[in-house]
Amino acid sequence: MWFSFAGAITLQETSLWSVNSVSKTNGGVVLASGMAEYLPESDSLVSEIFERADKEMYDDKARLKSIKA
């Protein structure tokens, strides 16, 4: 089976959007996340991938904080 990174991101975003929209409305906990794809032409260290994923997570966290319940 072929794994699609873009498809995984879409599934992740759709799932978290559902959870976060209900949680935000009810004053519950929201989940921020970030994903990064391994780029063989530019990634020489695993930490480079984690840094991109971490940045995506913090961008998502900031976006979630800006949404009003």
PDB file of N, CA and C in Angstrom:
ATOM      1  N   MET A   1       0.852  -1.171   0.000  1.00  0.00           N
ATOM      2  CA  MET A   1       0.000   0.000   0.000  1.00  0.00           C
ATOM      3  C   MET A   1       0.900   1.238   0.000  1.00  0.00           C
ATOM      4  N   TRP A   2       0.589   2.187  -0.831  1.00  0.00           N
ATOM      5  CA  TRP A   2       1.338   3.436  -0.931  1.00  0.00           C
ATOM      6  C   TRP A   2       0.829   4.423   0.116  1.00  0.00           C
ATOM      7  N   PHE A   3       1.750   5.033   0.834  1.00  0.00           N
ATOM      8  CA  PHE A   3       1.407   6.012   1.865  1.00  0.00           C
ATOM      9  C   PHE A   3       1.493   7.399   1.271  1.00  0.00           C
ATOM     10  N   SER A   4       0.446   8.160   1.413  1.00  0.00           N
ATOM     11  CA  SER A   4       0.408   9.528   0.913  1.00  0.00           C
ATOM     12  C   SER A   4       0.540  10.495   2.085  1.00  0.00           C
ATOM     13  N   PHE A   5       1.643  11.254   2.112  1.00  0.00           N
ATOM     14  CA  PHE A   5       1.847  12.230   3.175  1.00  0.00           C
ATOM     15  C   PHE A   5       0.741  13.279   3.144  1.00  0.00           C
ATOM     16  N   ALA A   6       0.381  13.754   1.957  1.00  0.00           N
ATOM     17  CA  ALA A   6      -0.686  14.754   1.831  1.00  0.00           C
ATOM     18  C   ALA A   6      -2.011  14.184   2.346  1.00  0.00           C
ATOM     19  N   GLY A   7      -2.283  12.929   2.040  1.00  0.00           N
ATOM     20  CA  GLY A   7      -3.500  12.287   2.531  1.00  0.00           C
ATOM     21  C   GLY A   7      -3.493  12.147   4.036  1.00  0.00           C
ATOM     22  N   ALA A   8      -2.329  11.854   4.602  1.00  0.00           N
ATOM     23  CA  ALA A   8      -2.218  11.729   6.057  1.00  0.00           C
ATOM     24  C   ALA A   8      -2.467  13.072   6.730  1.00  0.00           C
ATOM     25  N   ILE A   9      -1.950  14.121   6.151  1.00  0.00           N
ATOM     26  CA  ILE A   9      -2.163  15.458   6.711  1.00  0.00           C
ATOM     27  C   ILE A   9      -3.644  15.816   6.653  1.00  0.00           C
ATOM     28  N   THR A  10      -4.288  15.544   5.542  1.00  0.00           N
ATOM     29  CA  THR A  10      -5.712  15.841   5.407  1.00  0.00           C
ATOM     30  C   THR A  10      -6.522  15.075   6.446  1.00  0.00           C
ATOM     31  N   LEU A  11      -6.226  13.804   6.627  1.00  0.00           N
ATOM     32  CA  LEU A  11      -6.926  12.986   7.623  1.00  0.00           C
ATOM     33  C   LEU A  11      -6.676  13.528   9.023  1.00  0.00           C
ATOM     34  N   GLN A  12      -5.424  13.866   9.316  1.00  0.00           N
ATOM     35  CA  GLN A  12      -5.077  14.406  10.626  1.00  0.00           C
ATOM     36  C   GLN A  12      -5.816  15.718  10.880  1.00  0.00           C
ATOM     37  N   GLU A  13      -5.784  16.621   9.922  1.00  0.00           N
ATOM     38  CA  GLU A  13      -6.438  17.921  10.090  1.00  0.00           C
ATOM     39  C   GLU A  13      -7.944  17.773  10.268  1.00  0.00           C
ATOM     40  N   THR A  14      -8.571  16.902   9.490  1.00  0.00           N
ATOM     41  CA  THR A  14     -10.010  16.680   9.582  1.00  0.00           C
ATOM     42  C   THR A  14     -10.377  16.102  10.945  1.00  0.00           C
ATOM     43  N   SER A  15      -9.618  15.116  11.406  1.00  0.00           N
ATOM     44  CA  SER A  15      -9.898  14.488  12.701  1.00  0.00           C
ATOM     45  C   SER A  15      -9.732  15.479  13.834  1.00  0.00           C
ATOM     46  N   LEU A  16      -8.618  16.208  13.836  1.00  0.00           N
ATOM     47  CA  LEU A  16      -8.381  17.168  14.915  1.00  0.00           C
ATOM     48  C   LEU A  16      -9.358  18.326  14.862  1.00  0.00           C
ATOM     49  N   TRP A  17      -9.742  18.749  13.672  1.00  0.00           N
ATOM     50  CA  TRP A  17     -10.711  19.841  13.562  1.00  0.00           C
ATOM     51  C   TRP A  17     -12.006  19.445  14.249  1.00  0.00           C
ATOM     52  N   SER A  18     -12.447  18.203  14.029  1.00  0.00           N
ATOM     53  CA  SER A  18     -13.681  17.728  14.658  1.00  0.00           C
ATOM     54  C   SER A  18     -13.563  17.732  16.178  1.00  0.00           C
ATOM     55  N   VAL A  19     -12.479  17.179  16.683  1.00  0.00           N
ATOM     56  CA  VAL A  19     -12.266  17.117  18.129  1.00  0.00           C
ATOM     57  C   VAL A  19     -12.139  18.523  18.711  1.00  0.00           C
ATOM     58  N   ASN A  20     -11.332  19.359  18.077  1.00  0.00           N
ATOM     59  CA  ASN A  20     -11.074  20.694  18.613  1.00  0.00           C
ATOM     60  C   ASN A  20     -12.294  21.604  18.559  1.00  0.00           C
ATOM     61  N   SER A  21     -13.109  21.476  17.528  1.00  0.00           N
ATOM     62  CA  SER A  21     -14.281  22.347  17.445  1.00  0.00           C
ATOM     63  C   SER A  21     -15.272  22.040  18.567  1.00  0.00           C
ATOM     64  N   VAL A  22     -15.456  20.776  18.883  1.00  0.00           N
ATOM     65  CA  VAL A  22     -16.344  20.401  19.990  1.00  0.00           C
ATOM     66  C   VAL A  22     -15.721  20.827  21.316  1.00  0.00           C
ATOM     67  N   SER A  23     -14.442  20.564  21.484  1.00  0.00           N
ATOM     68  CA  SER A  23     -13.763  20.913  22.733  1.00  0.00           C
ATOM     69  C   SER A  23     -13.746  22.414  22.967  1.00  0.00           C
ATOM     70  N   LYS A  24     -13.464  23.180  21.922  1.00  0.00           N
ATOM     71  CA  LYS A  24     -13.404  24.641  22.051  1.00  0.00           C
ATOM     72  C   LYS A  24     -14.780  25.193  22.439  1.00  0.00           C
ATOM     73  N   THR A  25     -15.818  24.663  21.841  1.00  0.00           N
ATOM     74  CA  THR A  25     -17.182  25.104  22.139  1.00  0.00           C
ATOM     75  C   THR A  25     -17.572  24.797  23.580  1.00  0.00           C
ATOM     76  N   ASN A  26     -17.128  23.633  24.077  1.00  0.00           N
ATOM     77  CA  ASN A  26     -17.499  23.198  25.428  1.00  0.00           C
ATOM     78  C   ASN A  26     -16.467  23.578  26.485  1.00  0.00           C
ATOM     79  N   GLY A  27     -15.481  24.368  26.122  1.00  0.00           N
ATOM     80  CA  GLY A  27     -14.457  24.776  27.085  1.00  0.00           C
ATOM     81  C   GLY A  27     -13.490  23.675  27.445  1.00  0.00           C
ATOM     82  N   GLY A  28     -13.371  22.679  26.582  1.00  0.00           N
ATOM     83  CA  GLY A  28     -12.479  21.551  26.855  1.00  0.00           C
ATOM     84  C   GLY A  28     -11.072  21.764  26.328  1.00  0.00           C
ATOM     85  N   VAL A  29     -10.312  20.710  26.345  1.00  0.00           N
ATOM     86  CA  VAL A  29      -8.927  20.712  25.895  1.00  0.00           C
ATOM     87  C   VAL A  29      -8.881  20.610  24.375  1.00  0.00           C
ATOM     88  N   VAL A  30      -7.986  21.374  23.746  1.00  0.00           N
ATOM     89  CA  VAL A  30      -7.770  21.262  22.305  1.00  0.00           C
ATOM     90  C   VAL A  30      -6.394  20.665  22.064  1.00  0.00           C
ATOM     91  N   LEU A  31      -6.220  20.052  20.898  1.00  0.00           N
ATOM     92  CA  LEU A  31      -4.978  19.367  20.557  1.00  0.00           C
ATOM     93  C   LEU A  31      -4.285  20.058  19.398  1.00  0.00           C
ATOM     94  N   ALA A  32      -3.044  20.467  19.606  1.00  0.00           N
ATOM     95  CA  ALA A  32      -2.229  21.017  18.527  1.00  0.00           C
ATOM     96  C   ALA A  32      -1.317  19.901  18.029  1.00  0.00           C
ATOM     97  N   SER A  33      -1.047  19.908  16.733  1.00  0.00           N
ATOM     98  CA  SER A  33      -0.178  18.870  16.188  1.00  0.00           C
ATOM     99  C   SER A  33       0.637  19.422  15.030  1.00  0.00           C
ATOM    100  N   GLY A  34       1.671  18.690  14.698  1.00  0.00           N
ATOM    101  CA  GLY A  34       2.501  19.051  13.554  1.00  0.00           C
ATOM    102  C   GLY A  34       3.111  17.806  12.946  1.00  0.00           C
ATOM    103  N   MET A  35       3.223  17.804  11.641  1.00  0.00           N
ATOM    104  CA  MET A  35       3.819  16.679  10.922  1.00  0.00           C
ATOM    105  C   MET A  35       4.839  17.216   9.937  1.00  0.00           C
ATOM    106  N   ALA A  36       5.868  16.425   9.678  1.00  0.00           N
ATOM    107  CA  ALA A  36       6.868  16.787   8.680  1.00  0.00           C
ATOM    108  C   ALA A  36       7.258  15.547   7.896  1.00  0.00           C
ATOM    109  N   GLU A  37       7.511  15.745   6.646  1.00  0.00           N
ATOM    110  CA  GLU A  37       7.886  14.654   5.758  1.00  0.00           C
ATOM    111  C   GLU A  37       9.404  14.576   5.643  1.00  0.00           C
ATOM    112  N   TYR A  38       9.938  13.370   5.611  1.00  0.00           N
ATOM    113  CA  TYR A  38      11.364  13.163   5.380  1.00  0.00           C
ATOM    114  C   TYR A  38      11.690  13.556   3.947  1.00  0.00           C
ATOM    115  N   LEU A  39      12.650  14.456   3.795  1.00  0.00           N
ATOM    116  CA  LEU A  39      13.089  14.912   2.478  1.00  0.00           C
ATOM    117  C   LEU A  39      14.516  14.419   2.247  1.00  0.00           C
ATOM    118  N   PRO A  40      14.684  13.308   1.532  1.00  0.00           N
ATOM    119  CA  PRO A  40      16.005  12.696   1.396  1.00  0.00           C
ATOM    120  C   PRO A  40      17.048  13.613   0.751  1.00  0.00           C
ATOM    121  N   GLU A  41      16.605  14.541  -0.095  1.00  0.00           N
ATOM    122  CA  GLU A  41      17.561  15.430  -0.764  1.00  0.00           C
ATOM    123  C   GLU A  41      18.107  16.521   0.158  1.00  0.00           C
ATOM    124  N   SER A  42      17.421  16.784   1.285  1.00  0.00           N
ATOM    125  CA  SER A  42      17.887  17.853   2.163  1.00  0.00           C
ATOM    126  C   SER A  42      18.024  17.466   3.634  1.00  0.00           C
ATOM    127  N   ASP A  43      17.415  16.374   4.064  1.00  0.00           N
ATOM    128  CA  ASP A  43      17.481  15.965   5.469  1.00  0.00           C
ATOM    129  C   ASP A  43      18.648  15.014   5.697  1.00  0.00           C
ATOM    130  N   SER A  44      19.614  15.469   6.486  1.00  0.00           N
ATOM    131  CA  SER A  44      20.727  14.583   6.822  1.00  0.00           C
ATOM    132  C   SER A  44      20.650  14.118   8.278  1.00  0.00           C
ATOM    133  N   LEU A  45      19.817  14.798   9.058  1.00  0.00           N
ATOM    134  CA  LEU A  45      19.637  14.441  10.467  1.00  0.00           C
ATOM    135  C   LEU A  45      18.150  14.302  10.787  1.00  0.00           C
ATOM    136  N   VAL A  46      17.818  13.358  11.650  1.00  0.00           N
ATOM    137  CA  VAL A  46      16.437  13.179  12.069  1.00  0.00           C
ATOM    138  C   VAL A  46      15.940  14.440  12.775  1.00  0.00           C
ATOM    139  N   SER A  47      16.840  15.118  13.458  1.00  0.00           N
ATOM    140  CA  SER A  47      16.443  16.326  14.191  1.00  0.00           C
ATOM    141  C   SER A  47      15.897  17.411  13.259  1.00  0.00           C
ATOM    142  N   GLU A  48      16.318  17.432  12.004  1.00  0.00           N
ATOM    143  CA  GLU A  48      15.793  18.407  11.042  1.00  0.00           C
ATOM    144  C   GLU A  48      14.306  18.164  10.783  1.00  0.00           C
ATOM    145  N   ILE A  49      13.927  16.916  10.716  1.00  0.00           N
ATOM    146  CA  ILE A  49      12.521  16.569  10.505  1.00  0.00           C
ATOM    147  C   ILE A  49      11.706  16.943  11.742  1.00  0.00           C
ATOM    148  N   PHE A  50      12.235  16.623  12.915  1.00  0.00           N
ATOM    149  CA  PHE A  50      11.545  16.961  14.160  1.00  0.00           C
ATOM    150  C   PHE A  50      11.400  18.471  14.330  1.00  0.00           C
ATOM    151  N   GLU A  51      12.399  19.235  13.925  1.00  0.00           N
ATOM    152  CA  GLU A  51      12.318  20.697  14.032  1.00  0.00           C
ATOM    153  C   GLU A  51      11.184  21.247  13.173  1.00  0.00           C
ATOM    154  N   ARG A  52      11.039  20.731  11.953  1.00  0.00           N
ATOM    155  CA  ARG A  52       9.935  21.179  11.086  1.00  0.00           C
ATOM    156  C   ARG A  52       8.586  20.789  11.678  1.00  0.00           C
ATOM    157  N   ALA A  53       8.481  19.564  12.186  1.00  0.00           N
ATOM    158  CA  ALA A  53       7.224  19.118  12.792  1.00  0.00           C
ATOM    159  C   ALA A  53       6.904  19.949  14.033  1.00  0.00           C
ATOM    160  N   ASP A  54       7.921  20.263  14.820  1.00  0.00           N
ATOM    161  CA  ASP A  54       7.720  21.074  16.014  1.00  0.00           C
ATOM    162  C   ASP A  54       7.234  22.469  15.649  1.00  0.00           C
ATOM    163  N   LYS A  55       7.812  23.055  14.602  1.00  0.00           N
ATOM    164  CA  LYS A  55       7.371  24.374  14.142  1.00  0.00           C
ATOM    165  C   LYS A  55       5.913  24.324  13.690  1.00  0.00           C
ATOM    166  N   GLU A  56       5.543  23.280  12.970  1.00  0.00           N
ATOM    167  CA  GLU A  56       4.152  23.114  12.534  1.00  0.00           C
ATOM    168  C   GLU A  56       3.208  23.014  13.736  1.00  0.00           C
ATOM    169  N   MET A  57       3.647  22.299  14.783  1.00  0.00           N
ATOM    170  CA  MET A  57       2.812  22.163  15.967  1.00  0.00           C
ATOM    171  C   MET A  57       2.608  23.520  16.651  1.00  0.00           C
ATOM    172  N   TYR A  58       3.672  24.304  16.775  1.00  0.00           N
ATOM    173  CA  TYR A  58       3.528  25.606  17.422  1.00  0.00           C
ATOM    174  C   TYR A  58       2.717  26.578  16.565  1.00  0.00           C
ATOM    175  N   ASP A  59       2.837  26.476  15.247  1.00  0.00           N
ATOM    176  CA  ASP A  59       1.978  27.282  14.365  1.00  0.00           C
ATOM    177  C   ASP A  59       0.512  26.900  14.567  1.00  0.00           C
ATOM    178  N   ASP A  60       0.249  25.602  14.679  1.00  0.00           N
ATOM    179  CA  ASP A  60      -1.118  25.126  14.906  1.00  0.00           C
ATOM    180  C   ASP A  60      -1.621  25.593  16.270  1.00  0.00           C
ATOM    181  N   LYS A  61      -0.773  25.552  17.271  1.00  0.00           N
ATOM    182  CA  LYS A  61      -1.153  26.001  18.614  1.00  0.00           C
ATOM    183  C   LYS A  61      -1.545  27.477  18.594  1.00  0.00           C
ATOM    184  N   ALA A  62      -0.771  28.299  17.891  1.00  0.00           N
ATOM    185  CA  ALA A  62      -1.084  29.728  17.790  1.00  0.00           C
ATOM    186  C   ALA A  62      -2.409  29.937  17.060  1.00  0.00           C
ATOM    187  N   ARG A  63      -2.645  29.149  16.001  1.00  0.00           N
ATOM    188  CA  ARG A  63      -3.899  29.255  15.248  1.00  0.00           C
ATOM    189  C   ARG A  63      -5.080  28.896  16.142  1.00  0.00           C
ATOM    190  N   LEU A  64      -4.936  27.840  16.927  1.00  0.00           N
ATOM    191  CA  LEU A  64      -6.019  27.421  17.818  1.00  0.00           C
ATOM    192  C   LEU A  64      -6.318  28.456  18.883  1.00  0.00           C
ATOM    193  N   LYS A  65      -5.282  29.107  19.394  1.00  0.00           N
ATOM    194  CA  LYS A  65      -5.494  30.141  20.415  1.00  0.00           C
ATOM    195  C   LYS A  65      -6.241  31.339  19.850  1.00  0.00           C
ATOM    196  N   SER A  66      -6.071  31.596  18.554  1.00  0.00           N
ATOM    197  CA  SER A  66      -6.711  32.765  17.939  1.00  0.00           C
ATOM    198  C   SER A  66      -8.186  32.536  17.629  1.00  0.00           C
ATOM    199  N   ILE A  67      -8.624  31.274  17.647  1.00  0.00           N
ATOM    200  CA  ILE A  67     -10.024  30.958  17.354  1.00  0.00           C
ATOM    201  C   ILE A  67     -10.866  31.182  18.604  1.00  0.00           C
ATOM    202  N   LYS A  68     -11.905  31.945  18.448  1.00  0.00           N
ATOM    203  CA  LYS A  68     -12.814  32.206  19.580  1.00  0.00           C
ATOM    204  C   LYS A  68     -13.830  31.084  19.676  1.00  0.00           C
ATOM    205  N   ALA A  69     -14.195  30.743  20.887  1.00  0.00           N
ATOM    206  CA  ALA A  69     -15.163  29.656  21.112  1.00  0.00           C
ATOM    207  C   ALA A  69     -16.550  30.072  20.668  1.00  0.00           C
TER     208      ALA A  69
END
